[in-house]
N, C-alpha and C. Protein backbone atom coordinates (compact mmCIF):
# COMPACT_ATOMS: atom_id res chain seq x y z
N UNK A 1 89.14 162.03 92.62
CA UNK A 1 89.53 161.09 93.64
C UNK A 1 88.74 159.80 93.46
N UNK A 2 89.43 158.71 93.44
CA UNK A 2 88.79 157.41 93.29
C UNK A 2 88.28 156.93 94.65
N UNK A 3 87.02 156.51 94.70
CA UNK A 3 86.45 156.03 95.95
C UNK A 3 86.72 154.55 96.12
N UNK A 4 87.68 154.24 96.95
CA UNK A 4 87.98 152.85 97.28
C UNK A 4 86.97 152.37 98.32
N UNK A 5 86.94 151.08 98.56
CA UNK A 5 86.03 150.52 99.58
C UNK A 5 86.29 151.20 100.92
N UNK A 6 87.54 151.47 101.24
CA UNK A 6 87.91 152.12 102.51
C UNK A 6 87.31 153.53 102.58
N UNK A 7 87.40 154.28 101.48
CA UNK A 7 86.84 155.64 101.44
C UNK A 7 85.31 155.62 101.58
N UNK A 8 84.66 154.66 100.90
CA UNK A 8 83.20 154.54 100.99
C UNK A 8 82.79 154.21 102.42
N UNK A 9 83.51 153.29 103.06
CA UNK A 9 83.20 152.93 104.45
C UNK A 9 83.37 154.14 105.38
N UNK A 10 84.38 154.96 105.12
CA UNK A 10 84.60 156.18 105.92
C UNK A 10 83.41 157.13 105.75
N UNK A 11 82.97 157.30 104.50
CA UNK A 11 81.82 158.17 104.24
C UNK A 11 80.55 157.63 104.90
N UNK A 12 80.38 156.32 104.90
CA UNK A 12 79.20 155.72 105.53
C UNK A 12 79.22 155.95 107.05
N UNK A 13 80.40 155.92 107.63
CA UNK A 13 80.51 156.23 109.08
C UNK A 13 80.29 157.71 109.34
N UNK A 14 80.80 158.55 108.46
CA UNK A 14 80.70 160.00 108.62
C UNK A 14 79.28 160.51 108.40
N UNK A 15 78.53 159.86 107.49
CA UNK A 15 77.18 160.28 107.15
C UNK A 15 76.19 159.11 107.29
N UNK A 16 75.95 158.67 108.52
CA UNK A 16 75.01 157.55 108.71
C UNK A 16 73.58 157.97 108.35
N UNK A 17 72.75 156.96 108.08
CA UNK A 17 71.34 157.20 107.77
C UNK A 17 70.73 158.09 108.85
N UNK A 18 69.98 159.11 108.41
CA UNK A 18 69.31 160.02 109.34
C UNK A 18 70.10 161.27 109.68
N UNK A 19 71.36 161.35 109.25
CA UNK A 19 72.17 162.55 109.51
C UNK A 19 71.54 163.74 108.81
N UNK A 20 71.37 164.85 109.53
CA UNK A 20 70.80 166.07 108.96
C UNK A 20 71.92 166.85 108.28
N UNK A 21 71.63 167.33 107.06
CA UNK A 21 72.59 168.01 106.20
C UNK A 21 72.04 169.38 105.80
N UNK A 22 72.94 170.35 105.67
CA UNK A 22 72.58 171.64 105.09
C UNK A 22 73.47 171.87 103.88
N UNK A 23 72.85 172.26 102.78
CA UNK A 23 73.57 172.45 101.53
C UNK A 23 74.18 173.84 101.46
N UNK A 24 75.42 173.89 101.01
CA UNK A 24 76.08 175.16 100.75
C UNK A 24 76.11 175.43 99.24
N UNK A 25 76.42 174.38 98.45
CA UNK A 25 76.44 174.52 96.99
C UNK A 25 76.41 173.12 96.37
N UNK A 26 75.52 172.93 95.38
CA UNK A 26 75.49 171.69 94.61
C UNK A 26 75.82 172.05 93.17
N UNK A 27 76.96 171.60 92.72
CA UNK A 27 77.49 171.94 91.40
C UNK A 27 76.49 171.60 90.30
N UNK A 28 76.12 172.61 89.52
CA UNK A 28 75.29 172.42 88.34
C UNK A 28 73.81 172.19 88.61
N UNK A 29 73.36 172.37 89.82
CA UNK A 29 71.95 172.12 90.16
C UNK A 29 71.32 173.40 90.70
N UNK A 30 70.76 174.21 89.82
CA UNK A 30 70.20 175.51 90.21
C UNK A 30 68.93 175.38 91.06
N UNK A 31 68.23 174.24 90.98
CA UNK A 31 67.02 174.06 91.78
C UNK A 31 67.34 173.64 93.22
N UNK A 32 68.64 173.54 93.55
CA UNK A 32 69.07 173.16 94.89
C UNK A 32 69.77 174.36 95.54
N UNK A 33 69.00 175.24 96.18
CA UNK A 33 69.58 176.49 96.71
C UNK A 33 70.41 176.27 97.98
N UNK A 34 71.39 177.12 98.20
CA UNK A 34 72.13 177.08 99.46
C UNK A 34 71.16 177.25 100.63
N UNK A 35 71.43 176.53 101.70
CA UNK A 35 70.56 176.59 102.89
C UNK A 35 69.51 175.50 102.92
N UNK A 36 69.34 174.79 101.81
CA UNK A 36 68.38 173.69 101.76
C UNK A 36 68.84 172.59 102.73
N UNK A 37 67.91 172.01 103.44
CA UNK A 37 68.25 170.96 104.39
C UNK A 37 67.70 169.62 103.94
N UNK A 38 68.26 168.57 104.49
CA UNK A 38 67.81 167.23 104.16
C UNK A 38 68.35 166.21 105.14
N UNK A 39 67.98 164.96 104.89
CA UNK A 39 68.38 163.86 105.75
C UNK A 39 69.01 162.76 104.90
N UNK A 40 70.16 162.27 105.34
CA UNK A 40 70.86 161.22 104.60
C UNK A 40 70.01 159.96 104.56
N UNK A 41 69.84 159.41 103.34
CA UNK A 41 69.13 158.16 103.15
C UNK A 41 70.12 156.99 103.15
N UNK A 42 71.25 157.18 102.44
CA UNK A 42 72.31 156.17 102.40
C UNK A 42 73.50 156.71 101.63
N UNK A 43 74.63 156.02 101.76
CA UNK A 43 75.82 156.29 100.96
C UNK A 43 76.01 155.08 100.06
N UNK A 44 76.08 155.31 98.74
CA UNK A 44 76.19 154.18 97.81
C UNK A 44 77.64 153.72 97.64
N UNK A 45 77.82 152.67 96.84
CA UNK A 45 79.14 152.08 96.64
C UNK A 45 80.12 152.97 95.88
N UNK A 46 79.61 154.05 95.29
CA UNK A 46 80.47 155.02 94.60
C UNK A 46 80.87 156.17 95.52
N UNK A 47 80.30 156.20 96.72
CA UNK A 47 80.61 157.27 97.67
C UNK A 47 79.71 158.47 97.55
N UNK A 48 78.61 158.36 96.79
CA UNK A 48 77.64 159.46 96.71
C UNK A 48 76.73 159.40 97.94
N UNK A 49 76.44 160.56 98.51
CA UNK A 49 75.60 160.65 99.70
C UNK A 49 74.19 160.99 99.24
N UNK A 50 73.29 160.03 99.33
CA UNK A 50 71.90 160.21 98.89
C UNK A 50 71.11 160.86 100.02
N UNK A 51 70.38 161.93 99.67
CA UNK A 51 69.69 162.75 100.67
C UNK A 51 68.23 162.93 100.27
N UNK A 52 67.35 162.85 101.25
CA UNK A 52 65.95 163.23 101.05
C UNK A 52 65.86 164.70 101.46
N UNK A 53 65.73 165.58 100.47
CA UNK A 53 65.77 167.02 100.69
C UNK A 53 64.40 167.57 101.07
N UNK A 54 64.42 168.70 101.78
CA UNK A 54 63.18 169.33 102.24
C UNK A 54 62.32 169.86 101.09
N UNK A 55 62.90 170.01 99.89
CA UNK A 55 62.11 170.47 98.73
C UNK A 55 61.52 169.30 97.94
N UNK A 56 61.66 168.07 98.47
CA UNK A 56 61.11 166.89 97.82
C UNK A 56 62.08 166.17 96.90
N UNK A 57 63.22 166.77 96.63
CA UNK A 57 64.23 166.15 95.77
C UNK A 57 64.94 165.02 96.51
N UNK A 58 65.53 164.13 95.75
CA UNK A 58 66.34 163.07 96.35
C UNK A 58 67.70 162.99 95.66
N UNK A 59 68.18 164.13 95.16
CA UNK A 59 69.48 164.17 94.50
C UNK A 59 70.60 163.82 95.48
N UNK A 60 71.59 163.11 94.96
CA UNK A 60 72.74 162.71 95.78
C UNK A 60 73.82 163.78 95.76
N UNK A 61 74.54 163.86 96.86
CA UNK A 61 75.69 164.75 96.96
C UNK A 61 76.94 163.99 96.54
N UNK A 62 77.84 164.68 95.89
CA UNK A 62 79.14 164.12 95.55
C UNK A 62 80.16 164.86 96.43
N UNK A 63 80.67 164.20 97.47
CA UNK A 63 81.52 164.90 98.44
C UNK A 63 82.70 165.66 97.84
N UNK A 64 83.27 165.18 96.73
CA UNK A 64 84.42 165.87 96.14
C UNK A 64 84.02 167.12 95.35
N UNK A 65 82.73 167.25 95.02
CA UNK A 65 82.27 168.37 94.18
C UNK A 65 81.32 169.32 94.89
N UNK A 66 80.46 168.80 95.73
CA UNK A 66 79.42 169.61 96.37
C UNK A 66 79.86 170.07 97.76
N UNK A 67 79.31 171.21 98.17
CA UNK A 67 79.62 171.76 99.49
C UNK A 67 78.41 171.62 100.40
N UNK A 68 78.62 170.99 101.56
CA UNK A 68 77.54 170.76 102.52
C UNK A 68 78.16 170.48 103.87
N UNK A 69 77.32 170.52 104.90
CA UNK A 69 77.83 170.18 106.23
C UNK A 69 76.72 169.54 107.04
N UNK A 70 77.15 168.85 108.07
CA UNK A 70 76.22 168.23 109.00
C UNK A 70 75.61 169.31 109.88
N UNK A 71 74.31 169.23 110.09
CA UNK A 71 73.64 170.14 111.01
C UNK A 71 73.81 169.57 112.41
N UNK A 72 74.42 170.34 113.26
CA UNK A 72 74.62 169.92 114.65
C UNK A 72 73.39 170.29 115.47
N UNK A 73 73.23 169.69 116.62
CA UNK A 73 72.08 169.95 117.51
C UNK A 73 71.90 171.45 117.76
N UNK A 74 72.98 172.15 118.04
CA UNK A 74 72.89 173.58 118.32
C UNK A 74 72.35 174.35 117.13
N UNK A 75 72.77 173.99 115.92
CA UNK A 75 72.28 174.66 114.72
C UNK A 75 70.79 174.44 114.56
N UNK A 76 70.31 173.22 114.83
CA UNK A 76 68.89 172.94 114.68
C UNK A 76 68.08 173.76 115.68
N UNK A 77 68.55 173.86 116.92
CA UNK A 77 67.86 174.65 117.93
C UNK A 77 67.82 176.11 117.53
N UNK A 78 68.94 176.63 117.01
CA UNK A 78 69.03 178.02 116.61
C UNK A 78 68.08 178.30 115.45
N UNK A 79 68.03 177.37 114.48
CA UNK A 79 67.16 177.55 113.31
C UNK A 79 65.69 177.51 113.68
N UNK A 80 65.32 176.87 114.78
CA UNK A 80 63.94 176.74 115.19
C UNK A 80 63.44 177.98 115.94
N UNK A 81 64.36 178.79 116.43
CA UNK A 81 63.97 179.99 117.20
C UNK A 81 63.43 181.08 116.32
């Protein structure tokens, strides 16, 4: 899928800076286990979602290839219990 300016703007609205993310699968990256959490740093002009991960990595997510979701308030509260 080609990321047009419109698609990139949609991703920037969907994943604003500071959005908490939980990884389900990152294609080809064995050091990035499912369940890893992070915070969105920015979405670049190619539509990659750059994340500061809890393991110290700053690898970007590619929405068309990687599986992840936004951590909602309820999920964060549940994970803290």
